[in-house]
C-alpha atoms as a PDB file:
ATOM      1  CA  MET A   1     -28.160 -41.223 -38.739  1.00  0.00           C
ATOM      2  CA  LYS A   2     -26.382 -43.478 -40.440  1.00  0.00           C
ATOM      3  CA  LYS A   3     -26.806 -44.775 -43.756  1.00  0.00           C
ATOM      4  CA  ASP A   4     -26.264 -47.877 -45.497  1.00  0.00           C
ATOM      5  CA  LEU A   5     -24.433 -48.601 -48.781  1.00  0.00           C
ATOM      6  CA  ILE A   6     -23.436 -51.190 -51.470  1.00  0.00           C
ATOM      7  CA  CYS A   7     -20.781 -51.203 -53.842  1.00  0.00           C
ATOM      8  CA  ASN A   8     -22.893 -50.635 -57.860  1.00  0.00           C
ATOM      9  CA  GLU A   9     -19.046 -52.390 -58.921  1.00  0.00           C
ATOM     10  CA  CYS A  10     -18.316 -54.761 -56.379  1.00  0.00           C
ATOM     11  CA  GLY A  11     -20.662 -55.190 -54.304  1.00  0.00           C
ATOM     12  CA  HIS A  12     -18.762 -54.160 -50.828  1.00  0.00           C
ATOM     13  CA  GLU A  13     -21.689 -53.005 -48.155  1.00  0.00           C
ATOM     14  CA  TRP A  14     -20.629 -50.569 -45.894  1.00  0.00           C
ATOM     15  CA  THR A  15     -22.627 -47.889 -43.498  1.00  0.00           C
ATOM     16  CA  MET A  16     -21.506 -44.537 -43.786  1.00  0.00           C
ATOM     17  CA  LYS A  17     -22.773 -41.010 -41.679  1.00  0.00           C
ATOM     18  CA  PRO A  18     -23.916 -38.333 -43.561  1.00  0.00           C
ATOM     19  CA  ASP A  19     -22.400 -34.588 -42.833  1.00  0.00           C
ATOM     20  CA  LYS A  20     -25.394 -31.239 -42.888  1.00  0.00           C
ATOM     21  CA  ASP A  21     -25.694 -31.150 -46.075  1.00  0.00           C
ATOM     22  CA  GLY A  22     -26.684 -35.131 -46.728  1.00  0.00           C
ATOM     23  CA  LEU A  23     -23.156 -35.097 -48.457  1.00  0.00           C
ATOM     24  CA  PHE A  24     -20.150 -37.892 -48.262  1.00  0.00           C
ATOM     25  CA  ASN A  25     -17.400 -36.536 -47.422  1.00  0.00           C
ATOM     26  CA  GLY A  26     -18.601 -34.084 -49.781  1.00  0.00           C
ATOM     27  CA  TYR A  27     -19.752 -36.553 -51.746  1.00  0.00           C
ATOM     28  CA  GLY A  28     -23.953 -37.775 -53.277  1.00  0.00           C
ATOM     29  CA  CYS A  29     -22.656 -41.289 -53.966  1.00  0.00           C
ATOM     30  CA  PRO A  30     -19.141 -42.326 -52.164  1.00  0.00           C
ATOM     31  CA  PRO A  31     -16.688 -44.144 -53.649  1.00  0.00           C
ATOM     32  CA  CYS A  32     -16.615 -47.058 -52.440  1.00  0.00           C
ATOM     33  CA  PRO A  33     -13.755 -48.006 -49.693  1.00  0.00           C
ATOM     34  CA  SER A  34     -12.956 -51.538 -51.238  1.00  0.00           C
ATOM     35  CA  CYS A  35     -12.699 -51.391 -54.682  1.00  0.00           C
ATOM     36  CA  TYR A  36     -12.687 -47.682 -55.469  1.00  0.00           C
ATOM     37  CA  SER A  37     -14.139 -48.060 -58.416  1.00  0.00           C
ATOM     38  CA  GLY A  38     -17.807 -47.955 -57.643  1.00  0.00           C
ATOM     39  CA  CYS A  39     -19.482 -45.840 -55.797  1.00  0.00           C
ATOM     40  CA  GLY A  40     -22.458 -46.296 -53.021  1.00  0.00           C
ATOM     41  CA  VAL A  41     -25.485 -46.322 -52.720  1.00  0.00           C
ATOM     42  CA  SER A  42     -28.878 -47.408 -51.410  1.00  0.00           C
ATOM     43  CA  PRO A  43     -29.709 -51.116 -51.452  1.00  0.00           C
ATOM     44  CA  ASN A  44     -32.849 -50.826 -51.484  1.00  0.00           C
ATOM     45  CA  ASP A  45     -32.548 -49.303 -55.231  1.00  0.00           C
ATOM     46  CA  TYR A  46     -31.401 -53.400 -56.161  1.00  0.00           C
ATOM     47  CA  GLY A  47     -34.079 -55.842 -57.688  1.00  0.00           C
ATOM     48  CA  ASP A  48     -33.075 -59.436 -57.466  1.00  0.00           C
ATOM     49  CA  PHE A  49     -34.375 -62.251 -60.689  1.00  0.00           C
ATOM     50  CA  LYS A  50     -34.349 -65.264 -61.907  1.00  0.00           C
ATOM     51  CA  CYS A  51     -34.405 -66.658 -65.159  1.00  0.00           C
ATOM     52  CA  LEU A  52     -37.039 -68.521 -66.259  1.00  0.00           C
ATOM     53  CA  TRP A  53     -35.160 -70.546 -68.278  1.00  0.00           C
ATOM     54  CA  CYS A  54     -31.578 -71.352 -66.636  1.00  0.00           C
ATOM     55  CA  GLY A  55     -32.184 -71.294 -63.287  1.00  0.00           C
ATOM     56  CA  HIS A  56     -29.349 -68.246 -62.779  1.00  0.00           C
ATOM     57  CA  GLU A  57     -29.912 -66.025 -60.092  1.00  0.00           C
ATOM     58  CA  PHE A  58     -28.725 -62.145 -60.339  1.00  0.00           C
ATOM     59  CA  ARG A  59     -28.740 -58.540 -59.227  1.00  0.00           C
ATOM     60  CA  ARG A  60     -29.522 -55.599 -61.804  1.00  0.00           C
ATOM     61  CA  TYR A  61     -28.823 -52.217 -59.782  1.00  0.00           C
ATOM     62  CA  GLY A  62     -31.294 -48.342 -60.470  1.00  0.00           C
ATOM     63  CA  ASN A  63     -34.907 -48.584 -60.247  1.00  0.00           C
ATOM     64  CA  GLY A  64     -35.611 -51.743 -58.059  1.00  0.00           C
ATOM     65  CA  GLY A  65     -33.520 -53.354 -61.110  1.00  0.00           C
ATOM     66  CA  LEU A  66     -35.315 -52.458 -63.742  1.00  0.00           C
ATOM     67  CA  HIS A  67     -34.250 -50.904 -67.009  1.00  0.00           C
ATOM     68  CA  LEU A  68     -36.551 -48.912 -68.568  1.00  0.00           C
ATOM     69  CA  GLY A  69     -39.634 -49.893 -66.366  1.00  0.00           C
ATOM     70  CA  MET A  70     -39.059 -53.196 -68.007  1.00  0.00           C
ATOM     71  CA  ILE A  71     -37.550 -56.351 -66.553  1.00  0.00           C
ATOM     72  CA  PRO A  72     -34.355 -57.699 -67.335  1.00  0.00           C
ATOM     73  CA  LYS A  73     -33.088 -61.085 -69.265  1.00  0.00           C
ATOM     74  CA  CYS A  74     -30.698 -63.389 -68.504  1.00  0.00           C
ATOM     75  CA  PRO A  75     -26.981 -62.152 -68.722  1.00  0.00           C
ATOM     76  CA  ASP A  76     -26.149 -65.785 -69.076  1.00  0.00           C
ATOM     77  CA  CYS A  77     -28.423 -67.339 -71.454  1.00  0.00           C
ATOM     78  CA  SER A  78     -30.318 -64.057 -72.722  1.00  0.00           C
ATOM     79  CA  GLY A  79     -33.436 -65.616 -71.191  1.00  0.00           C
ATOM     80  CA  PRO A  80     -36.035 -64.657 -69.666  1.00  0.00           C
ATOM     81  CA  CYS A  81     -36.506 -63.831 -65.993  1.00  0.00           C
ATOM     82  CA  ASP A  82     -38.764 -63.262 -63.217  1.00  0.00           C
ATOM     83  CA  GLU A  83     -38.526 -60.851 -59.551  1.00  0.00           C
ATOM     84  CA  VAL A  84     -37.234 -62.971 -56.994  1.00  0.00           C
END
């Protein structure tokens, strides 16, 4: 069974088949084949947000995009955000 992966640095998306141990070439999170600096994580662990002040839409990785269980602030204006 192949798994969809997304780079947590550049956003490159790819599909890769895990080995019999559930690893990808020995890695739990394989290195990105595009930028080589990020690693492949599950796209389901991202959250999409929109700033209520300036309207900027952005994506955050980890725990559905939440940081310590809290909605992040806008990276442009530091305004409050809502999940999209």
